Amino acid sequence: MRSLPVLVIIFVIGCKSEPPTYEKNKILGRWMVIEAHRNNRPTQTVNGAIFSISNLELQHNLYGADSTYAITWGKEAILTSGSSYKIESQQDSMLVLFTTLQEYPFRLSLKKINFIQTEE
């Protein structure tokens, strides 16, 4: 009977959700795609695309026009109703996301940009 409380404690500790593996506040802002890989091969089709990420929305122009999506923050991803953007790595000024676009896997390297910075 003594082992029952120990098992309950182990179960409760094991069920705790782990915190995200990224710093959300560092992801918020505007980002530009500077490098992309489709099916593990370099592609320039989405270079220069802009992502704007807020607490509640993700906006991008990957398809040529601005698209806005409500988001939720997962443990390792930004989730929309139809897509997920897995956060592969994150630094102050660089962000690497993995997603699927039109049924193709994409790895996107993004650079943080200021609102006044031009898209060069």
Protein backbone atom coordinates (compact mmCIF):
# COMPACT_ATOMS: atom_id res chain seq x y z
CA MET A 1 0.00 0.00 0.00
CA ARG A 2 2.97 2.31 0.55
CA SER A 3 3.91 2.17 -3.12
CA LEU A 4 0.58 3.65 -4.23
CA PRO A 5 1.41 7.25 -3.13
CA VAL A 6 4.83 6.96 -4.76
CA LEU A 7 3.26 5.79 -8.03
CA VAL A 8 0.74 8.64 -7.92
CA ILE A 9 3.53 11.19 -7.41
CA ILE A 10 5.56 9.72 -10.28
CA PHE A 11 2.47 9.77 -12.51
CA VAL A 12 1.67 13.41 -11.66
CA ILE A 13 5.25 14.54 -12.26
CA GLY A 14 5.37 12.61 -15.54
CA CYS A 15 2.15 14.21 -16.78
CA LYS A 16 3.27 17.80 -16.33
CA SER A 17 3.55 19.57 -19.64
CA GLU A 18 7.00 20.81 -20.50
CA PRO A 19 7.51 24.48 -21.31
CA PRO A 20 8.07 25.49 -24.92
CA THR A 21 11.57 25.02 -26.28
CA TYR A 22 11.61 28.56 -27.66
CA GLU A 23 11.29 32.10 -26.35
CA LYS A 24 7.98 33.39 -27.70
CA ASN A 25 8.84 37.07 -27.15
CA LYS A 26 11.88 36.73 -29.41
CA ILE A 27 9.74 35.26 -32.20
CA LEU A 28 7.21 38.10 -32.23
CA GLY A 29 7.84 40.66 -34.97
CA ARG A 30 8.60 40.82 -38.69
CA TRP A 31 10.78 38.30 -40.48
CA MET A 32 12.02 37.87 -44.05
CA VAL A 33 12.74 34.53 -45.71
CA ILE A 34 16.41 34.63 -46.71
CA GLU A 35 16.85 30.96 -47.60
CA ALA A 36 14.49 28.09 -48.32
CA HIS A 37 14.71 24.39 -49.04
CA ARG A 38 11.94 22.38 -50.69
CA ASN A 39 12.28 18.61 -50.40
CA ASN A 40 15.78 19.25 -48.95
CA ARG A 41 16.82 21.10 -52.12
CA PRO A 42 17.53 24.84 -52.23
CA THR A 43 14.80 26.95 -53.81
CA GLN A 44 14.40 30.67 -54.27
CA THR A 45 10.65 30.67 -54.90
CA VAL A 46 9.81 32.05 -51.44
CA ASN A 47 12.91 34.16 -50.77
CA GLY A 48 11.92 37.66 -49.70
CA ALA A 49 8.55 36.57 -48.31
CA ILE A 50 7.59 38.44 -45.14
CA PHE A 51 6.20 36.92 -41.95
CA SER A 52 4.59 39.07 -39.26
CA ILE A 53 4.08 37.17 -36.03
CA SER A 54 2.07 38.47 -33.08
CA ASN A 55 0.68 36.75 -29.99
CA LEU A 56 -2.53 35.86 -31.83
CA GLU A 57 -1.82 36.05 -35.58
CA LEU A 58 0.63 35.03 -38.26
CA GLN A 59 0.60 36.97 -41.50
CA HIS A 60 2.70 36.10 -44.55
CA ASN A 61 2.82 36.67 -48.29
CA LEU A 62 4.16 33.26 -49.32
CA TYR A 63 1.47 32.88 -51.99
CA GLY A 64 1.88 36.38 -53.46
CA ALA A 65 -0.80 38.11 -51.40
CA ASP A 66 -1.04 38.74 -47.67
CA SER A 67 -2.67 35.90 -45.77
CA THR A 68 -3.57 36.19 -42.08
CA TYR A 69 -4.12 33.25 -39.73
CA ALA A 70 -5.16 32.96 -36.11
CA ILE A 71 -2.47 31.00 -34.25
CA THR A 72 -1.90 28.98 -31.16
CA TRP A 73 1.50 28.35 -29.68
CA GLY A 74 2.49 24.70 -29.39
CA LYS A 75 5.43 23.24 -27.53
CA GLU A 76 7.71 23.45 -30.57
CA ALA A 77 5.51 25.06 -33.21
CA ILE A 78 3.25 27.87 -34.30
CA LEU A 79 -0.10 26.34 -35.24
CA THR A 80 -2.79 27.67 -37.58
CA SER A 81 -6.06 26.00 -38.55
CA GLY A 82 -4.47 24.43 -41.63
CA SER A 83 -0.69 24.45 -41.06
CA SER A 84 2.00 24.09 -38.50
CA TYR A 85 5.33 25.89 -38.47
CA LYS A 86 7.77 23.78 -36.45
CA ILE A 87 10.41 25.92 -34.80
CA GLU A 88 13.70 24.22 -35.66
CA SER A 89 15.93 26.89 -34.17
CA GLN A 90 15.62 30.40 -32.84
CA GLN A 91 18.07 33.16 -32.09
CA ASP A 92 17.65 36.88 -31.59
CA SER A 93 17.79 37.70 -35.29
CA MET A 94 17.40 34.29 -37.00
CA LEU A 95 14.52 31.84 -37.05
CA VAL A 96 14.30 28.49 -38.84
CA LEU A 97 10.84 27.03 -39.47
CA PHE A 98 9.75 23.76 -41.03
CA THR A 99 6.35 23.58 -42.71
CA THR A 100 4.46 22.02 -45.59
CA LEU A 101 3.42 24.30 -48.46
CA GLN A 102 1.22 22.92 -51.22
CA GLU A 103 2.09 19.36 -50.15
CA TYR A 104 5.88 19.97 -50.20
CA PRO A 105 8.09 20.08 -47.10
CA PHE A 106 9.84 23.45 -46.70
CA ARG A 107 12.61 24.55 -44.37
CA LEU A 108 12.57 28.35 -44.13
CA SER A 109 15.42 30.45 -42.74
CA LEU A 110 14.18 33.87 -41.69
CA LYS A 111 15.99 37.03 -40.64
CA LYS A 112 14.37 39.51 -38.25
CA ILE A 113 13.69 42.86 -39.88
CA ASN A 114 12.65 46.25 -38.54
CA PHE A 115 9.41 47.87 -39.64
CA ILE A 116 11.33 50.63 -41.42
CA GLN A 117 13.84 48.31 -43.09
CA THR A 118 13.28 47.82 -46.82
CA GLU A 119 13.03 44.43 -48.46
CA GLU A 120 16.29 44.24 -50.36
